[in-house]
Structures are given as structure tokens and as C-alpha cells.
């Protein structure tokens, strides 16, 4: 595991699943390392329907989703870092709600 820790703002696309789940057009998240989408595959991912719905201040993708799916939402930050026992991260809560609804 990479010990390097980051925290940064993520801009969220309007009218996206990400915006509905997080409840805002911006969030600040913590993560380790700087893993990201391989630029060689961006076109292929977009062509097959993925939507990049959250980007950091550098324009790097931090949230992606599959429109039309009940809950296909992936983050390039661990949402559990923004949770505690009394308040789960909105992404975790949204996943649980989608699972119960299915």
C-alpha cells in the first residue's frame, strides 16, 4: 500500500448519480497515492458508456458511473475514509440503499 496520503476537492457533474448520492456539486475526499484512469483507455471507456462524473482540481477522474444502471458508481478514493460509526459516507449509504431497493 502506498503511504502517501492526499486530500482534495472533487467537482461533481450536475444531474449525475454521483451528485444525487453525494448531495452536492463538490466534495473533499481523502485518498492514498494517485491511482487513476490510464489515458490510453479513456476513449474506450467513454465509447462503451461510462461517464466520468467527478474530477479533481487537476482534471483527473475520481468518480465514474454507468448511466442507466441502478448503482454502478466507482470512486478512486476510499469512501470509508470519510465515514465514522455514526455517519457513513454518502457513497456507502447510497450503495446500501440501492441494494435494499433491488
PDB file of N, CA and C in Angstrom:
ATOM      1  N   UNK A   1       0.848  -1.183   0.000  1.00  0.00           N
ATOM      2  CA  UNK A   1       0.000   0.000   0.000  1.00  0.00           C
ATOM      3  C   UNK A   1       0.890   1.242   0.000  1.00  0.00           C
ATOM      4  N   UNK A   2       0.471   2.204  -0.731  1.00  0.00           N
ATOM      5  CA  UNK A   2       1.209   3.455  -0.833  1.00  0.00           C
ATOM      6  C   UNK A   2       0.944   4.297   0.412  1.00  0.00           C
ATOM      7  N   UNK A   3       1.959   4.734   1.119  1.00  0.00           N
ATOM      8  CA  UNK A   3       1.748   5.514   2.337  1.00  0.00           C
ATOM      9  C   UNK A   3       1.409   6.986   2.082  1.00  0.00           C
ATOM     10  N   UNK A   4       1.566   7.437   0.863  1.00  0.00           N
ATOM     11  CA  UNK A   4       1.338   8.842   0.543  1.00  0.00           C
ATOM     12  C   UNK A   4      -0.157   9.168   0.625  1.00  0.00           C
ATOM     13  N   UNK A   5      -0.520  10.132   1.434  1.00  0.00           N
ATOM     14  CA  UNK A   5      -1.923  10.485   1.646  1.00  0.00           C
ATOM     15  C   UNK A   5      -2.224  11.836   1.011  1.00  0.00           C
ATOM     16  N   UNK A   6      -3.374  11.911   0.353  1.00  0.00           N
ATOM     17  CA  UNK A   6      -3.814  13.139  -0.302  1.00  0.00           C
ATOM     18  C   UNK A   6      -5.200  13.516   0.195  1.00  0.00           C
ATOM     19  N   UNK A   7      -5.507  14.771   0.073  1.00  0.00           N
ATOM     20  CA  UNK A   7      -6.865  15.242   0.301  1.00  0.00           C
ATOM     21  C   UNK A   7      -7.105  16.322  -0.727  1.00  0.00           C
ATOM     22  N   UNK A   8      -8.259  16.260  -1.364  1.00  0.00           N
ATOM     23  CA  UNK A   8      -8.513  17.264  -2.374  1.00  0.00           C
ATOM     24  C   UNK A   8      -9.973  17.377  -2.735  1.00  0.00           C
ATOM     25  N   UNK A   9     -10.287  18.490  -3.368  1.00  0.00           N
ATOM     26  CA  UNK A   9     -11.653  18.756  -3.807  1.00  0.00           C
ATOM     27  C   UNK A   9     -11.949  17.995  -5.086  1.00  0.00           C
ATOM     28  N   UNK A  10     -13.187  17.533  -5.174  1.00  0.00           N
ATOM     29  CA  UNK A  10     -13.665  16.851  -6.370  1.00  0.00           C
ATOM     30  C   UNK A  10     -14.904  17.587  -6.843  1.00  0.00           C
ATOM     31  N   UNK A  11     -14.874  17.969  -8.105  1.00  0.00           N
ATOM     32  CA  UNK A  11     -16.013  18.647  -8.739  1.00  0.00           C
ATOM     33  C   UNK A  11     -16.917  17.569  -9.345  1.00  0.00           C
ATOM     34  N   UNK A  12     -18.198  17.618  -9.018  1.00  0.00           N
ATOM     35  CA  UNK A  12     -19.133  16.582  -9.424  1.00  0.00           C
ATOM     36  C   UNK A  12     -20.059  17.113 -10.520  1.00  0.00           C
ATOM     37  N   UNK A  13     -20.277  16.298 -11.539  1.00  0.00           N
ATOM     38  CA  UNK A  13     -21.110  16.657 -12.678  1.00  0.00           C
ATOM     39  C   UNK A  13     -22.574  16.783 -12.270  1.00  0.00           C
ATOM     40  N   UNK A  14     -23.205  17.841 -12.756  1.00  0.00           N
ATOM     41  CA  UNK A  14     -24.639  18.052 -12.484  1.00  0.00           C
ATOM     42  C   UNK A  14     -25.462  16.917 -13.090  1.00  0.00           C
ATOM     43  N   UNK A  15     -26.581  16.631 -12.436  1.00  0.00           N
ATOM     44  CA  UNK A  15     -27.538  15.624 -12.919  1.00  0.00           C
ATOM     45  C   UNK A  15     -26.922  14.245 -13.092  1.00  0.00           C
ATOM     46  N   UNK A  16     -25.969  13.928 -12.251  1.00  0.00           N
ATOM     47  CA  UNK A  16     -25.338  12.603 -12.291  1.00  0.00           C
ATOM     48  C   UNK A  16     -25.758  11.805 -11.060  1.00  0.00           C
ATOM     49  N   UNK A  17     -25.560  10.496 -11.124  1.00  0.00           N
ATOM     50  CA  UNK A  17     -25.791   9.653  -9.947  1.00  0.00           C
ATOM     51  C   UNK A  17     -24.901  10.134  -8.807  1.00  0.00           C
ATOM     52  N   UNK A  18     -23.681  10.502  -9.118  1.00  0.00           N
ATOM     53  CA  UNK A  18     -22.748  10.996  -8.101  1.00  0.00           C
ATOM     54  C   UNK A  18     -23.324  12.196  -7.363  1.00  0.00           C
ATOM     55  N   UNK A  19     -23.885  13.127  -8.100  1.00  0.00           N
ATOM     56  CA  UNK A  19     -24.461  14.316  -7.471  1.00  0.00           C
ATOM     57  C   UNK A  19     -25.656  13.943  -6.593  1.00  0.00           C
ATOM     58  N   UNK A  20     -26.499  13.037  -7.082  1.00  0.00           N
ATOM     59  CA  UNK A  20     -27.658  12.627  -6.283  1.00  0.00           C
ATOM     60  C   UNK A  20     -27.229  11.921  -5.001  1.00  0.00           C
ATOM     61  N   UNK A  21     -26.235  11.046  -5.105  1.00  0.00           N
ATOM     62  CA  UNK A  21     -25.784  10.273  -3.943  1.00  0.00           C
ATOM     63  C   UNK A  21     -25.050  11.164  -2.942  1.00  0.00           C
ATOM     64  N   UNK A  22     -24.131  11.982  -3.417  1.00  0.00           N
ATOM     65  CA  UNK A  22     -23.321  12.822  -2.528  1.00  0.00           C
ATOM     66  C   UNK A  22     -24.106  14.047  -2.061  1.00  0.00           C
ATOM     67  N   UNK A  23     -25.033  14.502  -2.886  1.00  0.00           N
ATOM     68  CA  UNK A  23     -25.888  15.617  -2.483  1.00  0.00           C
ATOM     69  C   UNK A  23     -25.240  16.971  -2.607  1.00  0.00           C
ATOM     70  N   UNK A  24     -24.243  17.068  -3.465  1.00  0.00           N
ATOM     71  CA  UNK A  24     -23.532  18.337  -3.649  1.00  0.00           C
ATOM     72  C   UNK A  24     -22.826  18.317  -4.997  1.00  0.00           C
ATOM     73  N   UNK A  25     -22.378  19.497  -5.419  1.00  0.00           N
ATOM     74  CA  UNK A  25     -21.620  19.552  -6.678  1.00  0.00           C
ATOM     75  C   UNK A  25     -20.111  19.574  -6.434  1.00  0.00           C
ATOM     76  N   UNK A  26     -19.731  19.422  -5.163  1.00  0.00           N
ATOM     77  CA  UNK A  26     -18.315  19.419  -4.789  1.00  0.00           C
ATOM     78  C   UNK A  26     -18.174  18.657  -3.483  1.00  0.00           C
ATOM     79  N   UNK A  27     -17.088  17.918  -3.367  1.00  0.00           N
ATOM     80  CA  UNK A  27     -16.788  17.212  -2.128  1.00  0.00           C
ATOM     81  C   UNK A  27     -15.277  17.227  -1.920  1.00  0.00           C
ATOM     82  N   UNK A  28     -14.865  17.088  -0.700  1.00  0.00           N
ATOM     83  CA  UNK A  28     -13.440  16.969  -0.390  1.00  0.00           C
ATOM     84  C   UNK A  28     -13.230  15.559   0.139  1.00  0.00           C
ATOM     85  N   UNK A  29     -12.309  14.844  -0.485  1.00  0.00           N
ATOM     86  CA  UNK A  29     -12.077  13.440  -0.133  1.00  0.00           C
ATOM     87  C   UNK A  29     -10.606  13.190   0.153  1.00  0.00           C
ATOM     88  N   UNK A  30     -10.367  12.161   0.937  1.00  0.00           N
ATOM     89  CA  UNK A  30      -9.009  11.715   1.243  1.00  0.00           C
ATOM     90  C   UNK A  30      -8.731  10.417   0.493  1.00  0.00           C
ATOM     91  N   UNK A  31      -7.487  10.235   0.079  1.00  0.00           N
ATOM     92  CA  UNK A  31      -7.114   9.004  -0.606  1.00  0.00           C
ATOM     93  C   UNK A  31      -5.608   8.811  -0.496  1.00  0.00           C
ATOM     94  N   UNK A  32      -5.201   7.618  -0.825  1.00  0.00           N
ATOM     95  CA  UNK A  32      -3.783   7.275  -0.818  1.00  0.00           C
ATOM     96  C   UNK A  32      -3.302   7.170  -2.253  1.00  0.00           C
ATOM     97  N   UNK A  33      -2.080   7.578  -2.474  1.00  0.00           N
ATOM     98  CA  UNK A  33      -1.454   7.529  -3.805  1.00  0.00           C
ATOM     99  C   UNK A  33      -2.246   8.371  -4.798  1.00  0.00           C
ATOM    100  N   UNK A  34      -1.925   8.199  -6.033  1.00  0.00           N
ATOM    101  CA  UNK A  34      -2.595   8.960  -7.087  1.00  0.00           C
ATOM    102  C   UNK A  34      -3.021   8.026  -8.212  1.00  0.00           C
ATOM    103  N   UNK A  35      -3.632   6.919  -7.842  1.00  0.00           N
ATOM    104  CA  UNK A  35      -4.114   5.995  -8.865  1.00  0.00           C
ATOM    105  C   UNK A  35      -5.121   6.712  -9.727  1.00  0.00           C
ATOM    106  N   UNK A  36      -5.189   6.320 -10.986  1.00  0.00           N
ATOM    107  CA  UNK A  36      -6.123   6.981 -11.875  1.00  0.00           C
ATOM    108  C   UNK A  36      -6.400   6.156 -13.109  1.00  0.00           C
ATOM    109  N   UNK A  37      -7.177   6.720 -13.999  1.00  0.00           N
ATOM    110  CA  UNK A  37      -7.542   6.080 -15.252  1.00  0.00           C
ATOM    111  C   UNK A  37      -6.365   6.175 -16.219  1.00  0.00           C
ATOM    112  N   UNK A  38      -6.041   5.058 -16.833  1.00  0.00           N
ATOM    113  CA  UNK A  38      -4.989   5.043 -17.848  1.00  0.00           C
ATOM    114  C   UNK A  38      -5.491   5.848 -19.049  1.00  0.00           C
ATOM    115  N   UNK A  39      -4.805   6.931 -19.414  1.00  0.00           N
ATOM    116  CA  UNK A  39      -5.268   7.770 -20.528  1.00  0.00           C
ATOM    117  C   UNK A  39      -5.429   6.999 -21.835  1.00  0.00           C
ATOM    118  N   UNK A  40      -4.703   5.897 -21.992  1.00  0.00           N
ATOM    119  CA  UNK A  40      -4.824   5.093 -23.211  1.00  0.00           C
ATOM    120  C   UNK A  40      -6.196   4.443 -23.344  1.00  0.00           C
ATOM    121  N   UNK A  41      -6.957   4.354 -22.244  1.00  0.00           N
ATOM    122  CA  UNK A  41      -8.240   3.654 -22.260  1.00  0.00           C
ATOM    123  C   UNK A  41      -9.448   4.569 -22.088  1.00  0.00           C
ATOM    124  N   UNK A  42      -9.222   5.854 -21.944  1.00  0.00           N
ATOM    125  CA  UNK A  42     -10.327   6.791 -21.711  1.00  0.00           C
ATOM    126  C   UNK A  42     -11.352   6.728 -22.840  1.00  0.00           C
ATOM    127  N   UNK A  43     -10.915   6.798 -24.068  1.00  0.00           N
ATOM    128  CA  UNK A  43     -11.828   6.775 -25.215  1.00  0.00           C
ATOM    129  C   UNK A  43     -12.662   5.508 -25.255  1.00  0.00           C
ATOM    130  N   UNK A  44     -12.057   4.376 -24.990  1.00  0.00           N
ATOM    131  CA  UNK A  44     -12.761   3.097 -24.992  1.00  0.00           C
ATOM    132  C   UNK A  44     -13.818   3.057 -23.885  1.00  0.00           C
ATOM    133  N   UNK A  45     -13.456   3.521 -22.705  1.00  0.00           N
ATOM    134  CA  UNK A  45     -14.405   3.540 -21.585  1.00  0.00           C
ATOM    135  C   UNK A  45     -15.598   4.438 -21.890  1.00  0.00           C
ATOM    136  N   UNK A  46     -15.335   5.616 -22.427  1.00  0.00           N
ATOM    137  CA  UNK A  46     -16.416   6.535 -22.782  1.00  0.00           C
ATOM    138  C   UNK A  46     -17.279   5.967 -23.904  1.00  0.00           C
ATOM    139  N   UNK A  47     -16.647   5.346 -24.892  1.00  0.00           N
ATOM    140  CA  UNK A  47     -17.382   4.772 -26.023  1.00  0.00           C
ATOM    141  C   UNK A  47     -18.312   3.645 -25.594  1.00  0.00           C
ATOM    142  N   UNK A  48     -17.980   3.003 -24.501  1.00  0.00           N
ATOM    143  CA  UNK A  48     -18.812   1.900 -24.012  1.00  0.00           C
ATOM    144  C   UNK A  48     -19.760   2.331 -22.890  1.00  0.00           C
ATOM    145  N   UNK A  49     -19.933   3.626 -22.723  1.00  0.00           N
ATOM    146  CA  UNK A  49     -20.996   4.125 -21.873  1.00  0.00           C
ATOM    147  C   UNK A  49     -20.630   4.638 -20.501  1.00  0.00           C
ATOM    148  N   UNK A  50     -19.381   4.499 -20.070  1.00  0.00           N
ATOM    149  CA  UNK A  50     -19.038   5.046 -18.758  1.00  0.00           C
ATOM    150  C   UNK A  50     -19.090   6.569 -18.803  1.00  0.00           C
ATOM    151  N   UNK A  51     -19.410   7.139 -17.676  1.00  0.00           N
ATOM    152  CA  UNK A  51     -19.449   8.598 -17.534  1.00  0.00           C
ATOM    153  C   UNK A  51     -18.494   8.975 -16.413  1.00  0.00           C
ATOM    154  N   UNK A  52     -17.607   9.892 -16.689  1.00  0.00           N
ATOM    155  CA  UNK A  52     -16.701  10.395 -15.660  1.00  0.00           C
ATOM    156  C   UNK A  52     -17.422  11.552 -14.975  1.00  0.00           C
ATOM    157  N   UNK A  53     -17.890  11.316 -13.757  1.00  0.00           N
ATOM    158  CA  UNK A  53     -18.773  12.296 -13.114  1.00  0.00           C
ATOM    159  C   UNK A  53     -18.148  13.035 -11.939  1.00  0.00           C
ATOM    160  N   UNK A  54     -16.879  12.812 -11.696  1.00  0.00           N
ATOM    161  CA  UNK A  54     -16.180  13.557 -10.657  1.00  0.00           C
ATOM    162  C   UNK A  54     -14.714  13.678 -10.995  1.00  0.00           C
ATOM    163  N   UNK A  55     -14.214  14.920 -11.008  1.00  0.00           N
ATOM    164  CA  UNK A  55     -12.801  15.149 -11.319  1.00  0.00           C
ATOM    165  C   UNK A  55     -12.176  16.026 -10.231  1.00  0.00           C
ATOM    166  N   UNK A  56     -10.883  15.798 -10.011  1.00  0.00           N
ATOM    167  CA  UNK A  56     -10.188  16.599  -9.003  1.00  0.00           C
ATOM    168  C   UNK A  56      -9.708  17.913  -9.610  1.00  0.00           C
ATOM    169  N   UNK A  57      -8.986  18.678  -8.831  1.00  0.00           N
ATOM    170  CA  UNK A  57      -8.539  20.001  -9.266  1.00  0.00           C
ATOM    171  C   UNK A  57      -7.584  19.948 -10.456  1.00  0.00           C
ATOM    172  N   UNK A  58      -6.952  18.790 -10.675  1.00  0.00           N
ATOM    173  CA  UNK A  58      -6.053  18.622 -11.818  1.00  0.00           C
ATOM    174  C   UNK A  58      -6.778  18.091 -13.049  1.00  0.00           C
ATOM    175  N   UNK A  59      -8.076  17.804 -12.895  1.00  0.00           N
ATOM    176  CA  UNK A  59      -8.848  17.246 -14.002  1.00  0.00           C
ATOM    177  C   UNK A  59      -8.798  15.735 -14.061  1.00  0.00           C
ATOM    178  N   UNK A  60      -8.158  15.105 -13.080  1.00  0.00           N
ATOM    179  CA  UNK A  60      -8.087  13.647 -13.054  1.00  0.00           C
ATOM    180  C   UNK A  60      -9.405  13.065 -12.562  1.00  0.00           C
ATOM    181  N   UNK A  61      -9.834  11.988 -13.193  1.00  0.00           N
ATOM    182  CA  UNK A  61     -11.091  11.330 -12.837  1.00  0.00           C
ATOM    183  C   UNK A  61     -10.992  10.753 -11.430  1.00  0.00           C
ATOM    184  N   UNK A  62     -11.994  11.023 -10.612  1.00  0.00           N
ATOM    185  CA  UNK A  62     -12.076  10.467  -9.255  1.00  0.00           C
ATOM    186  C   UNK A  62     -13.376   9.706  -9.029  1.00  0.00           C
ATOM    187  N   UNK A  63     -14.389   9.938  -9.893  1.00  0.00           N
ATOM    188  CA  UNK A  63     -15.652   9.211  -9.799  1.00  0.00           C
ATOM    189  C   UNK A  63     -16.107   8.875 -11.213  1.00  0.00           C
ATOM    190  N   UNK A  64     -16.585   7.635 -11.392  1.00  0.00           N
ATOM    191  CA  UNK A  64     -17.171   7.262 -12.669  1.00  0.00           C
ATOM    192  C   UNK A  64     -18.422   6.446 -12.410  1.00  0.00           C
ATOM    193  N   UNK A  65     -19.296   6.426 -13.402  1.00  0.00           N
ATOM    194  CA  UNK A  65     -20.566   5.720 -13.246  1.00  0.00           C
ATOM    195  C   UNK A  65     -21.043   5.207 -14.591  1.00  0.00           C
ATOM    196  N   UNK A  66     -22.011   4.312 -14.539  1.00  0.00           N
ATOM    197  CA  UNK A  66     -22.624   3.761 -15.738  1.00  0.00           C
ATOM    198  C   UNK A  66     -24.082   4.210 -15.750  1.00  0.00           C
ATOM    199  N   UNK A  67     -24.409   5.223 -16.560  1.00  0.00           N
ATOM    200  CA  UNK A  67     -25.783   5.721 -16.605  1.00  0.00           C
ATOM    201  C   UNK A  67     -26.768   4.603 -16.962  1.00  0.00           C
ATOM    202  N   UNK A  68     -27.926   4.667 -16.317  1.00  0.00           N
ATOM    203  CA  UNK A  68     -28.955   3.671 -16.575  1.00  0.00           C
ATOM    204  C   UNK A  68     -28.878   2.462 -15.666  1.00  0.00           C
ATOM    205  N   UNK A  69     -27.774   2.274 -14.994  1.00  0.00           N
ATOM    206  CA  UNK A  69     -27.619   1.161 -14.051  1.00  0.00           C
ATOM    207  C   UNK A  69     -28.133   1.616 -12.690  1.00  0.00           C
ATOM    208  N   UNK A  70     -28.781   0.740 -11.919  1.00  0.00           N
ATOM    209  CA  UNK A  70     -29.304   1.152 -10.617  1.00  0.00           C
ATOM    210  C   UNK A  70     -28.249   1.736  -9.670  1.00  0.00           C
ATOM    211  N   UNK A  71     -27.030   1.183  -9.697  1.00  0.00           N
ATOM    212  CA  UNK A  71     -25.989   1.756  -8.843  1.00  0.00           C
ATOM    213  C   UNK A  71     -24.620   1.239  -9.272  1.00  0.00           C
ATOM    214  N   UNK A  72     -24.142   1.716 -10.409  1.00  0.00           N
ATOM    215  CA  UNK A  72     -22.774   1.432 -10.825  1.00  0.00           C
ATOM    216  C   UNK A  72     -22.027   2.735 -10.642  1.00  0.00           C
ATOM    217  N   UNK A  73     -21.378   2.851  -9.491  1.00  0.00           N
ATOM    218  CA  UNK A  73     -20.662   4.067  -9.122  1.00  0.00           C
ATOM    219  C   UNK A  73     -19.314   3.637  -8.562  1.00  0.00           C
ATOM    220  N   UNK A  74     -18.250   4.080  -9.179  1.00  0.00           N
ATOM    221  CA  UNK A  74     -16.904   3.733  -8.723  1.00  0.00           C
ATOM    222  C   UNK A  74     -16.163   5.001  -8.347  1.00  0.00           C
ATOM    223  N   UNK A  75     -15.398   4.914  -7.272  1.00  0.00           N
ATOM    224  CA  UNK A  75     -14.607   6.061  -6.837  1.00  0.00           C
ATOM    225  C   UNK A  75     -13.132   5.693  -6.826  1.00  0.00           C
ATOM    226  N   UNK A  76     -12.308   6.663  -7.115  1.00  0.00           N
ATOM    227  CA  UNK A  76     -10.867   6.485  -6.996  1.00  0.00           C
ATOM    228  C   UNK A  76     -10.398   7.145  -5.704  1.00  0.00           C
ATOM    229  N   UNK A  77     -11.226   6.998  -4.698  1.00  0.00           N
ATOM    230  CA  UNK A  77     -10.906   7.349  -3.311  1.00  0.00           C
ATOM    231  C   UNK A  77     -11.681   6.355  -2.454  1.00  0.00           C
ATOM    232  N   UNK A  78     -11.163   5.972  -1.316  1.00  0.00           N
ATOM    233  CA  UNK A  78     -11.898   5.042  -0.456  1.00  0.00           C
ATOM    234  C   UNK A  78     -12.918   5.796   0.401  1.00  0.00           C
ATOM    235  N   UNK A  79     -14.215   5.637   0.122  1.00  0.00           N
ATOM    236  CA  UNK A  79     -15.209   6.411   0.866  1.00  0.00           C
ATOM    237  C   UNK A  79     -15.207   6.123   2.364  1.00  0.00           C
ATOM    238  N   UNK A  80     -14.705   4.978   2.764  1.00  0.00           N
ATOM    239  CA  UNK A  80     -14.675   4.673   4.200  1.00  0.00           C
ATOM    240  C   UNK A  80     -13.790   5.643   4.981  1.00  0.00           C
ATOM    241  N   UNK A  81     -12.859   6.317   4.304  1.00  0.00           N
ATOM    242  CA  UNK A  81     -12.040   7.314   4.994  1.00  0.00           C
ATOM    243  C   UNK A  81     -12.869   8.529   5.415  1.00  0.00           C
ATOM    244  N   UNK A  82     -14.025   8.722   4.776  1.00  0.00           N
ATOM    245  CA  UNK A  82     -14.895   9.839   5.118  1.00  0.00           C
ATOM    246  C   UNK A  82     -16.088   9.412   5.959  1.00  0.00           C
ATOM    247  N   UNK A  83     -15.993   8.242   6.569  1.00  0.00           N
ATOM    248  CA  UNK A  83     -17.089   7.709   7.381  1.00  0.00           C
ATOM    249  C   UNK A  83     -16.667   7.579   8.825  1.00  0.00           C
ATOM    250  N   UNK A  84     -17.660   7.497   9.685  1.00  0.00           N
ATOM    251  CA  UNK A  84     -17.423   7.061  11.058  1.00  0.00           C
ATOM    252  C   UNK A  84     -18.642   6.229  11.468  1.00  0.00           C
ATOM    253  N   UNK A  85     -18.632   5.700  12.661  1.00  0.00           N
ATOM    254  CA  UNK A  85     -19.691   4.785  13.094  1.00  0.00           C
ATOM    255  C   UNK A  85     -21.073   5.426  13.088  1.00  0.00           C
ATOM    256  N   UNK A  86     -21.139   6.728  13.285  1.00  0.00           N
ATOM    257  CA  UNK A  86     -22.442   7.386  13.351  1.00  0.00           C
ATOM    258  C   UNK A  86     -22.884   7.984  12.018  1.00  0.00           C
ATOM    259  N   UNK A  87     -21.950   8.100  11.065  1.00  0.00           N
ATOM    260  CA  UNK A  87     -22.275   8.772   9.811  1.00  0.00           C
ATOM    261  C   UNK A  87     -21.511   8.146   8.656  1.00  0.00           C
ATOM    262  N   UNK A  88     -22.128   7.188   7.935  1.00  0.00           N
ATOM    263  CA  UNK A  88     -21.432   6.601   6.792  1.00  0.00           C
ATOM    264  C   UNK A  88     -21.298   7.616   5.655  1.00  0.00           C
ATOM    265  N   UNK A  89     -20.273   7.436   4.864  1.00  0.00           N
ATOM    266  CA  UNK A  89     -20.071   8.286   3.686  1.00  0.00           C
ATOM    267  C   UNK A  89     -21.303   8.148   2.783  1.00  0.00           C
ATOM    268  N   UNK A  90     -21.708   9.211   2.084  1.00  0.00           N
ATOM    269  CA  UNK A  90     -22.886   9.136   1.205  1.00  0.00           C
ATOM    270  C   UNK A  90     -22.800   8.033   0.151  1.00  0.00           C
ATOM    271  N   UNK A  91     -21.616   7.717  -0.354  1.00  0.00           N
ATOM    272  CA  UNK A  91     -21.485   6.657  -1.351  1.00  0.00           C
ATOM    273  C   UNK A  91     -21.807   5.297  -0.713  1.00  0.00           C
ATOM    274  N   UNK A  92     -21.355   5.073   0.491  1.00  0.00           N
ATOM    275  CA  UNK A  92     -21.644   3.817   1.191  1.00  0.00           C
ATOM    276  C   UNK A  92     -23.138   3.737   1.497  1.00  0.00           C
ATOM    277  N   UNK A  93     -23.706   4.814   1.984  1.00  0.00           N
ATOM    278  CA  UNK A  93     -25.139   4.848   2.277  1.00  0.00           C
ATOM    279  C   UNK A  93     -25.954   4.632   0.998  1.00  0.00           C
ATOM    280  N   UNK A  94     -25.556   5.272  -0.090  1.00  0.00           N
ATOM    281  CA  UNK A  94     -26.256   5.118  -1.367  1.00  0.00           C
ATOM    282  C   UNK A  94     -26.196   3.701  -1.887  1.00  0.00           C
ATOM    283  N   UNK A  95     -25.047   3.053  -1.736  1.00  0.00           N
ATOM    284  CA  UNK A  95     -24.913   1.661  -2.166  1.00  0.00           C
ATOM    285  C   UNK A  95     -25.844   0.766  -1.350  1.00  0.00           C
ATOM    286  N   UNK A  96     -25.857   0.967  -0.042  1.00  0.00           N
ATOM    287  CA  UNK A  96     -26.718   0.150   0.836  1.00  0.00           C
ATOM    288  C   UNK A  96     -28.194   0.359   0.464  1.00  0.00           C
ATOM    289  N   UNK A  97     -28.596   1.588   0.227  1.00  0.00           N
ATOM    290  CA  UNK A  97     -29.986   1.877  -0.140  1.00  0.00           C
ATOM    291  C   UNK A  97     -30.344   1.231  -1.477  1.00  0.00           C
ATOM    292  N   UNK A  98     -29.436   1.267  -2.436  1.00  0.00           N
ATOM    293  CA  UNK A  98     -29.687   0.645  -3.745  1.00  0.00           C
ATOM    294  C   UNK A  98     -29.790  -0.878  -3.609  1.00  0.00           C
ATOM    295  N   UNK A  99     -28.960  -1.469  -2.751  1.00  0.00           N
ATOM    296  CA  UNK A  99     -29.001  -2.916  -2.534  1.00  0.00           C
ATOM    297  C   UNK A  99     -30.330  -3.329  -1.905  1.00  0.00           C
ATOM    298  N   UNK A 100     -30.808  -2.565  -0.949  1.00  0.00           N
ATOM    299  CA  UNK A 100     -32.073  -2.879  -0.288  1.00  0.00           C
ATOM    300  C   UNK A 100     -33.229  -2.737  -1.290  1.00  0.00           C
ATOM    301  N   UNK A 101     -33.158  -1.730  -2.135  1.00  0.00           N
ATOM    302  CA  UNK A 101     -34.229  -1.475  -3.110  1.00  0.00           C
ATOM    303  C   UNK A 101     -34.283  -2.535  -4.223  1.00  0.00           C
ATOM    304  N   UNK A 102     -33.153  -3.212  -4.451  1.00  0.00           N
ATOM    305  CA  UNK A 102     -33.101  -4.215  -5.537  1.00  0.00           C
ATOM    306  C   UNK A 102     -33.798  -5.430  -5.142  1.00  0.00           C
TER     307      UNK A 102
END
